Amino acid sequence: MVSFIVRLRFAPEDRADMAETVRLLADASRQEQGCISYIPLTLEEDPDTLLIFEQYVDPSALDAHRASAHFERHAIGGLYQRMKDRSVENLRSIE
């Protein structure tokens, strides 16, 4: 399983547009065969920071997600165009 959190920060004036964009991206991503979880969140203390918790069955499912038309449209063509900064935190399960 592949699990990670994407952290994106936006300008306050972009908050509403980016919330709608990530809702569209989440709805489409959740329909992907290899997607386990796709959960967008904001921080209570910083509403201009968006977190997306993502899980995929394997690396090829993540590759398929990143090659999808909805990722191209909403992530690359939307979120990435307005973000001030972005980081990714890769997660490992404790077993």
C-alpha atoms as a PDB file:
ATOM      1  CA  MET A   1       0.000   0.000   0.000  1.00  0.00           C
ATOM      2  CA  VAL A   2       1.134   3.553  -0.750  1.00  0.00           C
ATOM      3  CA  SER A   3       0.083   6.223   1.778  1.00  0.00           C
ATOM      4  CA  PHE A   4       0.996   9.893   2.000  1.00  0.00           C
ATOM      5  CA  ILE A   5      -0.185  13.377   2.893  1.00  0.00           C
ATOM      6  CA  VAL A   6       0.094  16.271   0.472  1.00  0.00           C
ATOM      7  CA  ARG A   7       0.251  19.704   2.119  1.00  0.00           C
ATOM      8  CA  LEU A   8      -0.651  22.726  -0.040  1.00  0.00           C
ATOM      9  CA  ARG A   9      -0.788  26.353   1.034  1.00  0.00           C
ATOM     10  CA  PHE A  10      -2.842  29.003  -0.773  1.00  0.00           C
ATOM     11  CA  ALA A  11      -3.502  32.705  -0.541  1.00  0.00           C
ATOM     12  CA  PRO A  12      -6.633  33.575   1.488  1.00  0.00           C
ATOM     13  CA  GLU A  13      -8.401  34.927  -1.611  1.00  0.00           C
ATOM     14  CA  ASP A  14      -8.033  31.523  -3.333  1.00  0.00           C
ATOM     15  CA  ARG A  15      -9.527  29.499  -0.456  1.00  0.00           C
ATOM     16  CA  ALA A  16     -13.061  29.027  -1.843  1.00  0.00           C
ATOM     17  CA  ASP A  17     -11.949  28.209  -5.390  1.00  0.00           C
ATOM     18  CA  MET A  18      -9.352  25.723  -4.184  1.00  0.00           C
ATOM     19  CA  ALA A  19     -11.860  24.030  -1.862  1.00  0.00           C
ATOM     20  CA  GLU A  20     -14.186  23.450  -4.812  1.00  0.00           C
ATOM     21  CA  THR A  21     -11.320  22.251  -7.011  1.00  0.00           C
ATOM     22  CA  VAL A  22     -10.156  19.720  -4.417  1.00  0.00           C
ATOM     23  CA  ARG A  23     -13.755  18.497  -3.942  1.00  0.00           C
ATOM     24  CA  LEU A  24     -13.965  17.757  -7.667  1.00  0.00           C
ATOM     25  CA  LEU A  25     -10.565  16.052  -7.611  1.00  0.00           C
ATOM     26  CA  ALA A  26     -11.510  13.974  -4.561  1.00  0.00           C
ATOM     27  CA  ASP A  27     -14.824  12.851  -6.048  1.00  0.00           C
ATOM     28  CA  ALA A  28     -13.139  11.648  -9.243  1.00  0.00           C
ATOM     29  CA  SER A  29     -10.128  10.125  -7.467  1.00  0.00           C
ATOM     30  CA  ARG A  30     -12.312   8.057  -5.146  1.00  0.00           C
ATOM     31  CA  GLN A  31     -13.767   6.348  -8.221  1.00  0.00           C
ATOM     32  CA  GLU A  32     -10.359   5.016  -9.311  1.00  0.00           C
ATOM     33  CA  GLN A  33     -10.023   1.262  -8.964  1.00  0.00           C
ATOM     34  CA  GLY A  34      -6.760   1.438  -6.986  1.00  0.00           C
ATOM     35  CA  CYS A  35      -7.707   4.306  -4.669  1.00  0.00           C
ATOM     36  CA  ILE A  36      -8.303   3.264  -1.058  1.00  0.00           C
ATOM     37  CA  SER A  37      -8.656   6.738   0.504  1.00  0.00           C
ATOM     38  CA  TYR A  38      -8.638  10.301  -0.750  1.00  0.00           C
ATOM     39  CA  ILE A  39      -9.513  12.729   2.023  1.00  0.00           C
ATOM     40  CA  PRO A  40      -9.020  16.502   1.716  1.00  0.00           C
ATOM     41  CA  LEU A  41      -8.775  18.438   4.984  1.00  0.00           C
ATOM     42  CA  THR A  42      -7.968  21.928   6.193  1.00  0.00           C
ATOM     43  CA  LEU A  43      -6.156  22.887   9.367  1.00  0.00           C
ATOM     44  CA  GLU A  44      -8.364  24.509  11.995  1.00  0.00           C
ATOM     45  CA  GLU A  45      -5.616  26.954  12.906  1.00  0.00           C
ATOM     46  CA  ASP A  46      -4.685  27.683   9.259  1.00  0.00           C
ATOM     47  CA  PRO A  47      -7.602  27.466   6.797  1.00  0.00           C
ATOM     48  CA  ASP A  48      -5.294  28.432   3.911  1.00  0.00           C
ATOM     49  CA  THR A  49      -3.447  25.113   4.274  1.00  0.00           C
ATOM     50  CA  LEU A  50      -4.986  22.100   2.584  1.00  0.00           C
ATOM     51  CA  LEU A  51      -4.011  18.530   3.458  1.00  0.00           C
ATOM     52  CA  ILE A  52      -4.903  15.559   1.282  1.00  0.00           C
ATOM     53  CA  PHE A  53      -4.559  12.092   2.823  1.00  0.00           C
ATOM     54  CA  GLU A  54      -4.167   9.565   0.011  1.00  0.00           C
ATOM     55  CA  GLN A  55      -3.861   5.774  -0.057  1.00  0.00           C
ATOM     56  CA  TYR A  56      -3.494   3.509  -3.083  1.00  0.00           C
ATOM     57  CA  VAL A  57      -3.272  -0.265  -3.331  1.00  0.00           C
ATOM     58  CA  ASP A  58       0.190  -0.124  -4.939  1.00  0.00           C
ATOM     59  CA  PRO A  59       2.574   2.192  -6.847  1.00  0.00           C
ATOM     60  CA  SER A  60       0.935   1.405 -10.197  1.00  0.00           C
ATOM     61  CA  ALA A  61      -2.418   2.629  -8.832  1.00  0.00           C
ATOM     62  CA  LEU A  62      -0.726   5.880  -7.800  1.00  0.00           C
ATOM     63  CA  ASP A  63       0.823   6.155 -11.280  1.00  0.00           C
ATOM     64  CA  ALA A  64      -2.638   5.656 -12.833  1.00  0.00           C
ATOM     65  CA  HIS A  65      -4.019   8.403 -10.564  1.00  0.00           C
ATOM     66  CA  ARG A  66      -1.309  10.828 -11.627  1.00  0.00           C
ATOM     67  CA  ALA A  67      -1.918   9.983 -15.307  1.00  0.00           C
ATOM     68  CA  SER A  68      -5.695  10.520 -15.078  1.00  0.00           C
ATOM     69  CA  ALA A  69      -7.543  13.318 -16.856  1.00  0.00           C
ATOM     70  CA  HIS A  70      -9.039  14.570 -13.574  1.00  0.00           C
ATOM     71  CA  PHE A  71      -5.573  14.834 -11.984  1.00  0.00           C
ATOM     72  CA  GLU A  72      -4.335  16.786 -15.003  1.00  0.00           C
ATOM     73  CA  ARG A  73      -7.324  19.115 -14.884  1.00  0.00           C
ATOM     74  CA  HIS A  74      -7.844  19.692 -11.167  1.00  0.00           C
ATOM     75  CA  ALA A  75      -4.379  19.150  -9.649  1.00  0.00           C
ATOM     76  CA  ILE A  76      -1.923  20.265 -12.319  1.00  0.00           C
ATOM     77  CA  GLY A  77      -4.240  22.744 -14.039  1.00  0.00           C
ATOM     78  CA  GLY A  78      -5.913  23.993 -10.860  1.00  0.00           C
ATOM     79  CA  LEU A  79      -4.338  23.469  -7.457  1.00  0.00           C
ATOM     80  CA  TYR A  80      -0.717  23.565  -8.644  1.00  0.00           C
ATOM     81  CA  GLN A  81      -1.279  26.841 -10.497  1.00  0.00           C
ATOM     82  CA  ARG A  82      -2.319  28.726  -7.361  1.00  0.00           C
ATOM     83  CA  MET A  83      -0.416  27.039  -4.549  1.00  0.00           C
ATOM     84  CA  LYS A  84       2.174  29.064  -2.673  1.00  0.00           C
ATOM     85  CA  ASP A  85       4.021  25.926  -1.611  1.00  0.00           C
ATOM     86  CA  ARG A  86       3.635  22.147  -1.534  1.00  0.00           C
ATOM     87  CA  SER A  87       5.145  19.270   0.412  1.00  0.00           C
ATOM     88  CA  VAL A  88       4.556  15.534   0.558  1.00  0.00           C
ATOM     89  CA  GLU A  89       4.908  13.350   3.648  1.00  0.00           C
ATOM     90  CA  ASN A  90       5.234   9.641   2.783  1.00  0.00           C
ATOM     91  CA  LEU A  91       3.750   7.374   5.433  1.00  0.00           C
ATOM     92  CA  ARG A  92       4.632   3.857   6.523  1.00  0.00           C
ATOM     93  CA  SER A  93       2.271   1.538   8.360  1.00  0.00           C
ATOM     94  CA  ILE A  94       3.231   0.292  11.817  1.00  0.00           C
ATOM     95  CA  GLU A  95       2.733  -3.461  11.884  1.00  0.00           C
END
